[in-house]
Amino acid sequence: MAFEEDEEFDEIAFGIARDIECQRDLFLVNTYSSEELQNLDLSKVKLPQDWFIEWLKQLSEK
């Protein structure tokens, strides 16, 4: 049924969103010192483009 397919896609999308959030946090902690993080403009932080390409592939597979 269409609703079941939507639910499956939603689960995948939510999983990827959680992964993005976790990877961002890990990236920040592993890239910047505590002092840098306190003064960091988060809008200037760029995650590796390869990560987004991989997440997009995961979305398109379903």
Protein backbone atom coordinates (compact mmCIF):
# COMPACT_ATOMS: atom_id res chain seq x y z
CA MET A 1 0.00 0.00 0.00
CA ALA A 2 1.09 3.59 -0.60
CA PHE A 3 0.95 4.45 3.09
CA GLU A 4 3.31 1.61 3.95
CA GLU A 5 5.80 2.84 1.36
CA ASP A 6 5.54 6.36 2.78
CA GLU A 7 6.16 5.05 6.29
CA GLU A 8 9.21 3.11 5.11
CA PHE A 9 10.61 6.21 3.38
CA ASP A 10 9.87 8.33 6.47
CA GLU A 11 11.79 5.87 8.66
CA ILE A 12 14.77 6.03 6.31
CA ALA A 13 14.62 9.83 6.16
CA PHE A 14 14.38 10.13 9.96
CA GLY A 15 17.32 7.75 10.34
CA ILE A 16 19.40 9.83 7.95
CA ALA A 17 18.41 13.02 9.77
CA ARG A 18 19.56 11.49 13.06
CA ASP A 19 22.80 10.40 11.40
CA ILE A 20 23.40 13.93 10.10
CA GLU A 21 22.84 15.37 13.56
CA CYS A 22 25.19 12.86 15.22
CA GLN A 23 27.88 13.21 12.57
CA ARG A 24 27.72 17.01 12.84
CA ASP A 25 28.19 16.83 16.61
CA LEU A 26 31.10 14.39 16.28
CA PHE A 27 32.66 16.52 13.54
CA LEU A 28 32.51 19.62 15.75
CA VAL A 29 33.97 17.87 18.81
CA ASN A 30 36.75 16.24 16.80
CA THR A 31 37.62 19.34 14.76
CA TYR A 32 37.49 22.22 17.23
CA SER A 33 38.73 22.79 20.77
CA SER A 34 36.29 23.59 23.58
CA GLU A 35 37.32 27.23 23.44
CA GLU A 36 36.84 27.40 19.66
CA LEU A 37 33.40 25.82 19.98
CA GLN A 38 32.30 28.48 22.46
CA ASN A 39 33.05 31.24 19.95
CA LEU A 40 32.28 29.39 16.73
CA ASP A 41 29.76 30.72 14.24
CA LEU A 42 28.01 27.44 13.42
CA SER A 43 26.60 28.86 10.20
CA LYS A 44 30.17 28.88 8.84
CA VAL A 45 30.85 25.19 9.57
CA LYS A 46 30.79 22.95 6.51
CA LEU A 47 30.55 19.19 6.75
CA PRO A 48 32.34 17.11 4.12
CA GLN A 49 30.40 17.04 0.85
CA ASP A 50 30.98 13.29 0.49
CA TRP A 51 28.79 12.69 3.52
CA PHE A 52 25.84 14.44 1.91
CA ILE A 53 26.35 12.54 -1.34
CA GLU A 54 26.22 9.27 0.60
CA TRP A 55 23.08 10.32 2.51
CA LEU A 56 21.42 11.30 -0.76
CA LYS A 57 22.28 7.89 -2.23
CA GLN A 58 20.65 6.22 0.77
CA LEU A 59 17.48 8.24 0.20
CA SER A 60 17.39 7.52 -3.52
CA GLU A 61 17.78 3.77 -3.04
CA LYS A 62 14.32 3.53 -1.50
